[in-house]
Amino acid sequence: MDDNLCFKKRAGNVKNSTRKHHRYPYIASAAIRERNIADAEPVTVMVNNISEGGMGVFIETPFKKGTKVSIEVNFINLYGSEIKDVIHGEVSGLTERDTLYFMGISFDKKIDPYKQPNLYELFNQSIKGD
């Protein structure tokens, strides 16, 4: 069976959007840091949605569009254990929402079952009912 079957079934369902992949609602926390600064302090954000190619987060003080970032996603798996996975991306959009910003991040590469196995499993579990 194709490992990317769940991803592929939604790939074409993003009409009238600049996104390549459908985003699914998901709540998790993440620590984001700028990649080009060795001692950059992580900024805690709330994940709002995720796709195989990116995520949307809420943040108080956003990074500039185009900033390369490293994202450590923290979530609870189906067994109740706290899990972390790291993925890299670039800030692709910002929208001000009241006292927060909604920040879009495009991943450098799609979620990989070998490099981000926990995040990959979580994402696939999220979309199986779709």
Protein backbone atom coordinates (compact mmCIF):
# COMPACT_ATOMS: atom_id res chain seq x y z
CA MET A 1 0.00 0.00 0.00
CA ASP A 2 1.24 3.48 -0.84
CA ASP A 3 2.45 5.32 2.31
CA ASN A 4 1.14 8.59 0.88
CA LEU A 5 -2.35 7.31 0.02
CA CYS A 6 -4.06 9.46 2.65
CA PHE A 7 -2.16 12.54 1.45
CA LYS A 8 -2.92 11.89 -2.21
CA LYS A 9 -6.68 11.53 -1.76
CA ARG A 10 -6.96 15.24 -0.83
CA ALA A 11 -4.27 16.77 -3.06
CA GLY A 12 -6.71 18.07 -5.67
CA ASN A 13 -9.22 19.57 -3.25
CA VAL A 14 -7.77 23.04 -2.88
CA LYS A 15 -9.62 24.99 -5.56
CA ASN A 16 -9.53 28.79 -5.31
CA SER A 17 -6.54 28.66 -2.96
CA THR A 18 -2.83 29.31 -3.17
CA ARG A 19 -2.24 26.16 -1.12
CA LYS A 20 -1.17 22.93 -2.77
CA HIS A 21 -2.60 20.74 0.01
CA HIS A 22 -5.80 20.69 2.03
CA ARG A 23 -5.26 21.83 5.62
CA TYR A 24 -6.91 19.98 8.48
CA PRO A 25 -7.85 21.59 11.80
CA TYR A 26 -5.56 20.46 14.58
CA ILE A 27 -4.71 21.85 18.00
CA ALA A 28 -1.17 21.43 19.31
CA SER A 29 1.61 23.61 20.64
CA ALA A 30 4.90 24.22 18.89
CA ALA A 31 8.19 25.98 19.51
CA ILE A 32 9.42 27.94 16.50
CA ARG A 33 12.89 29.38 16.10
CA GLU A 34 14.65 31.19 13.29
CA ARG A 35 17.06 28.80 11.55
CA ASN A 36 19.69 31.35 10.49
CA ILE A 37 20.42 32.41 14.07
CA ALA A 38 22.40 29.81 16.06
CA ASP A 39 21.21 30.90 19.52
CA ALA A 40 17.68 31.97 18.54
CA GLU A 41 15.19 31.68 21.38
CA PRO A 42 12.16 29.51 20.61
CA VAL A 43 8.75 31.17 20.44
CA THR A 44 5.76 29.16 21.67
CA VAL A 45 2.80 29.12 19.28
CA MET A 46 -0.57 27.38 19.01
CA VAL A 47 -1.00 25.18 15.93
CA ASN A 48 -4.37 25.77 14.27
CA ASN A 49 -4.16 23.55 11.19
CA ILE A 50 -1.78 21.30 9.32
CA SER A 51 -1.32 19.75 5.90
CA GLU A 52 1.38 17.56 4.42
CA GLY A 53 3.02 20.74 3.09
CA GLY A 54 2.52 23.33 5.82
CA MET A 55 0.74 24.58 8.91
CA GLY A 56 -1.04 27.60 10.30
CA VAL A 57 -0.23 28.90 13.79
CA PHE A 58 -1.33 31.69 16.10
CA ILE A 59 1.52 33.86 17.39
CA GLU A 60 1.77 37.12 19.36
CA THR A 61 4.84 38.54 17.62
CA PRO A 62 5.22 37.06 14.14
CA PHE A 63 8.33 36.32 12.15
CA LYS A 64 8.71 38.22 8.87
CA LYS A 65 7.41 36.62 5.70
CA GLY A 66 10.22 34.59 4.09
CA THR A 67 11.94 33.76 7.42
CA LYS A 68 13.36 30.22 7.51
CA VAL A 69 12.17 28.47 10.67
CA SER A 70 12.54 25.23 12.58
CA ILE A 71 9.32 23.98 14.19
CA GLU A 72 9.19 21.54 17.11
CA VAL A 73 5.59 20.32 17.24
CA ASN A 74 4.39 18.99 20.62
CA PHE A 75 1.27 16.86 20.76
CA ILE A 76 -0.44 14.00 22.56
CA ASN A 77 -0.61 10.78 20.55
CA LEU A 78 -3.51 8.32 20.50
CA TYR A 79 -2.05 6.54 23.54
CA GLY A 80 -1.89 9.68 25.70
CA SER A 81 1.88 10.13 25.46
CA GLU A 82 3.50 13.50 24.78
CA ILE A 83 5.35 13.35 21.47
CA LYS A 84 7.62 15.83 19.66
CA ASP A 85 8.77 16.04 16.06
CA VAL A 86 10.81 18.69 14.25
CA ILE A 87 10.17 19.98 10.74
CA HIS A 88 11.64 22.92 8.81
CA GLY A 89 9.85 25.55 6.77
CA GLU A 90 9.45 29.17 5.76
CA VAL A 91 6.94 31.81 6.85
CA SER A 92 4.63 32.17 3.86
CA GLY A 93 1.90 34.49 5.11
CA LEU A 94 0.69 36.70 7.95
CA THR A 95 -2.78 37.89 8.89
CA GLU A 96 -3.50 40.08 11.91
CA ARG A 97 -6.36 38.77 14.06
CA ASP A 98 -7.25 40.97 17.04
CA THR A 99 -4.27 40.77 19.41
CA LEU A 100 -2.67 37.80 17.63
CA TYR A 101 -1.35 37.01 14.19
CA PHE A 102 -2.18 33.98 12.08
CA MET A 103 1.09 32.86 10.50
CA GLY A 104 1.25 30.41 7.60
CA ILE A 105 4.32 28.21 7.29
CA SER A 106 5.24 26.22 4.17
CA PHE A 107 7.36 23.18 4.94
CA ASP A 108 10.65 22.82 3.04
CA LYS A 109 9.64 19.21 2.30
CA LYS A 110 6.40 17.30 2.87
CA ILE A 111 5.95 15.50 6.19
CA ASP A 112 8.19 12.43 5.87
CA PRO A 113 7.29 9.08 7.50
CA TYR A 114 11.00 8.45 8.21
CA LYS A 115 12.12 11.92 9.35
CA GLN A 116 8.93 12.88 11.23
CA PRO A 117 7.32 9.49 12.01
CA ASN A 118 5.19 10.75 14.90
CA LEU A 119 3.90 13.78 13.03
CA TYR A 120 3.26 11.65 9.94
CA GLU A 121 1.24 9.12 11.96
CA LEU A 122 -0.72 11.88 13.69
CA PHE A 123 -1.52 13.61 10.41
CA ASN A 124 -2.67 10.37 8.78
CA GLN A 125 -4.90 9.58 11.78
CA SER A 126 -6.41 13.07 11.49
CA ILE A 127 -7.41 12.65 7.84
CA LYS A 128 -8.57 9.02 7.79
CA GLY A 129 -12.12 10.04 8.64
CA ASP A 130 -12.19 12.66 5.88
